[in-house]
Amino acid sequence: MNINYKGTHASLSENDQNYIEDKINGLGRLVKPADNVFVEVQMDAKHKSGLVFRLEISINPPQFYAEARGNDFYEALDLVIPKIKEQLAKQKDKKVSLRRRKKSLKELE
């Protein structure tokens, strides 16, 4: 899997990138090795409540997208991972159900 990072008004250290990779690798079989993963981290310093981090993850080619905001980078990442995982699991469940349905129809014939 290809992971591309972009920091807008924020810099990503090597440790941050490794932390993101560990979290995305935790998605396991839901992300294919050929998929491109785009991660963007944005820091908004002019927000009324102080610093706010926005983290978005986009997985292509199946076109999955999730975004979350948090008070720090780690909070935003911990909020966005379940969102993207839910989308990936839903798509996988649909494929498995369709495959099983087709198999059971063939057996009835």
Protein backbone atom coordinates (compact mmCIF):
# COMPACT_ATOMS: atom_id res chain seq x y z
CA MET A 1 0.00 0.00 0.00
CA ASN A 2 1.21 3.46 -0.91
CA ILE A 3 0.82 6.06 1.84
CA ASN A 4 1.18 9.72 0.86
CA TYR A 5 1.37 12.42 3.53
CA LYS A 6 0.51 16.09 3.34
CA GLY A 7 0.83 18.58 6.18
CA THR A 8 -0.99 21.91 5.86
CA HIS A 9 0.27 24.41 8.44
CA ALA A 10 1.69 21.41 10.29
CA SER A 11 4.76 19.27 9.91
CA LEU A 12 4.75 15.50 10.22
CA SER A 13 7.77 13.98 11.90
CA GLU A 14 9.06 10.49 11.20
CA ASN A 15 7.41 9.29 14.44
CA ASP A 16 4.05 10.72 13.35
CA GLN A 17 4.31 8.99 9.99
CA ASN A 18 5.20 5.68 11.67
CA TYR A 19 2.23 6.07 14.02
CA ILE A 20 -0.10 6.66 11.06
CA GLU A 21 1.33 3.62 9.25
CA ASP A 22 0.77 1.43 12.32
CA LYS A 23 -2.84 2.57 12.58
CA ILE A 24 -3.52 2.02 8.88
CA ASN A 25 -1.78 -1.36 8.92
CA GLY A 26 -4.14 -2.24 11.77
CA LEU A 27 -6.97 -2.20 9.25
CA GLY A 28 -5.59 -5.56 8.14
CA ARG A 29 -7.18 -7.25 5.18
CA LEU A 30 -9.52 -4.36 4.48
CA VAL A 31 -6.85 -2.34 2.67
CA LYS A 32 -5.30 -3.97 -0.39
CA PRO A 33 -1.57 -3.67 -1.13
CA ALA A 34 -2.34 -1.93 -4.43
CA ASP A 35 -4.43 0.82 -2.77
CA ASN A 36 -3.17 4.38 -2.48
CA VAL A 37 -3.76 6.00 0.90
CA PHE A 38 -3.65 9.79 1.16
CA VAL A 39 -3.34 11.33 4.62
CA GLU A 40 -3.66 15.07 5.15
CA VAL A 41 -3.05 16.79 8.47
CA GLN A 42 -4.07 20.40 8.88
CA MET A 43 -3.53 22.60 11.91
CA ASP A 44 -5.92 25.52 12.36
CA ALA A 45 -4.39 28.03 14.77
CA LYS A 46 -7.08 30.66 14.36
CA HIS A 47 -9.96 28.55 15.64
CA LYS A 48 -12.01 30.12 18.44
CA SER A 49 -11.10 27.37 20.90
CA GLY A 50 -7.37 27.35 20.15
CA LEU A 51 -5.45 24.81 18.11
CA VAL A 52 -7.56 22.33 16.19
CA PHE A 53 -6.16 19.50 14.09
CA ARG A 54 -8.06 18.17 11.08
CA LEU A 55 -7.00 14.81 9.71
CA GLU A 56 -8.44 13.26 6.58
CA ILE A 57 -7.80 9.88 5.02
CA SER A 58 -8.65 9.02 1.45
CA ILE A 59 -8.21 5.51 0.03
CA ASN A 60 -8.17 5.06 -3.73
CA PRO A 61 -9.22 3.37 -6.08
CA PRO A 62 -12.39 2.35 -4.19
CA GLN A 63 -12.87 6.03 -3.19
CA PHE A 64 -13.23 5.94 0.59
CA TYR A 65 -12.94 9.18 2.55
CA ALA A 66 -13.09 10.08 6.23
CA GLU A 67 -12.32 13.25 8.14
CA ALA A 68 -12.10 14.09 11.84
CA ARG A 69 -11.13 17.04 14.01
CA GLY A 70 -9.44 16.91 17.39
CA ASN A 71 -7.52 19.00 19.89
CA ASP A 72 -4.29 17.27 18.92
CA PHE A 73 -2.97 15.06 16.13
CA TYR A 74 -3.42 11.78 18.00
CA GLU A 75 -7.02 12.51 18.97
CA ALA A 76 -7.92 13.33 15.36
CA LEU A 77 -6.26 10.12 14.14
CA ASP A 78 -8.04 8.02 16.76
CA LEU A 79 -11.36 9.52 15.64
CA VAL A 80 -10.83 9.05 11.89
CA ILE A 81 -9.63 5.41 11.92
CA PRO A 82 -13.00 3.91 13.05
CA LYS A 83 -14.81 5.96 10.40
CA ILE A 84 -12.69 4.64 7.55
CA LYS A 85 -12.71 1.12 9.02
CA GLU A 86 -16.51 1.12 9.06
CA GLN A 87 -16.65 2.05 5.37
CA LEU A 88 -14.12 -0.63 4.41
CA ALA A 89 -15.87 -3.33 6.46
CA LYS A 90 -19.25 -2.44 4.97
CA GLN A 91 -17.88 -2.81 1.44
CA LYS A 92 -16.21 -6.13 2.27
CA ASP A 93 -19.42 -7.47 3.84
CA LYS A 94 -21.36 -6.54 0.71
CA LYS A 95 -18.88 -8.38 -1.52
CA VAL A 96 -18.91 -11.49 0.68
CA SER A 97 -22.71 -11.53 0.87
CA LEU A 98 -23.02 -11.19 -2.89
CA ARG A 99 -20.49 -13.98 -3.46
CA ARG A 100 -22.34 -16.29 -1.05
CA ARG A 101 -25.69 -15.43 -2.61
CA LYS A 102 -24.40 -16.28 -6.09
CA LYS A 103 -22.93 -19.55 -4.82
CA SER A 104 -26.22 -20.61 -3.19
CA LEU A 105 -28.15 -19.79 -6.38
CA LYS A 106 -25.81 -21.99 -8.42
CA GLU A 107 -26.34 -24.86 -6.01
CA LEU A 108 -30.11 -24.59 -6.37
CA GLU A 109 -29.95 -24.96 -10.14
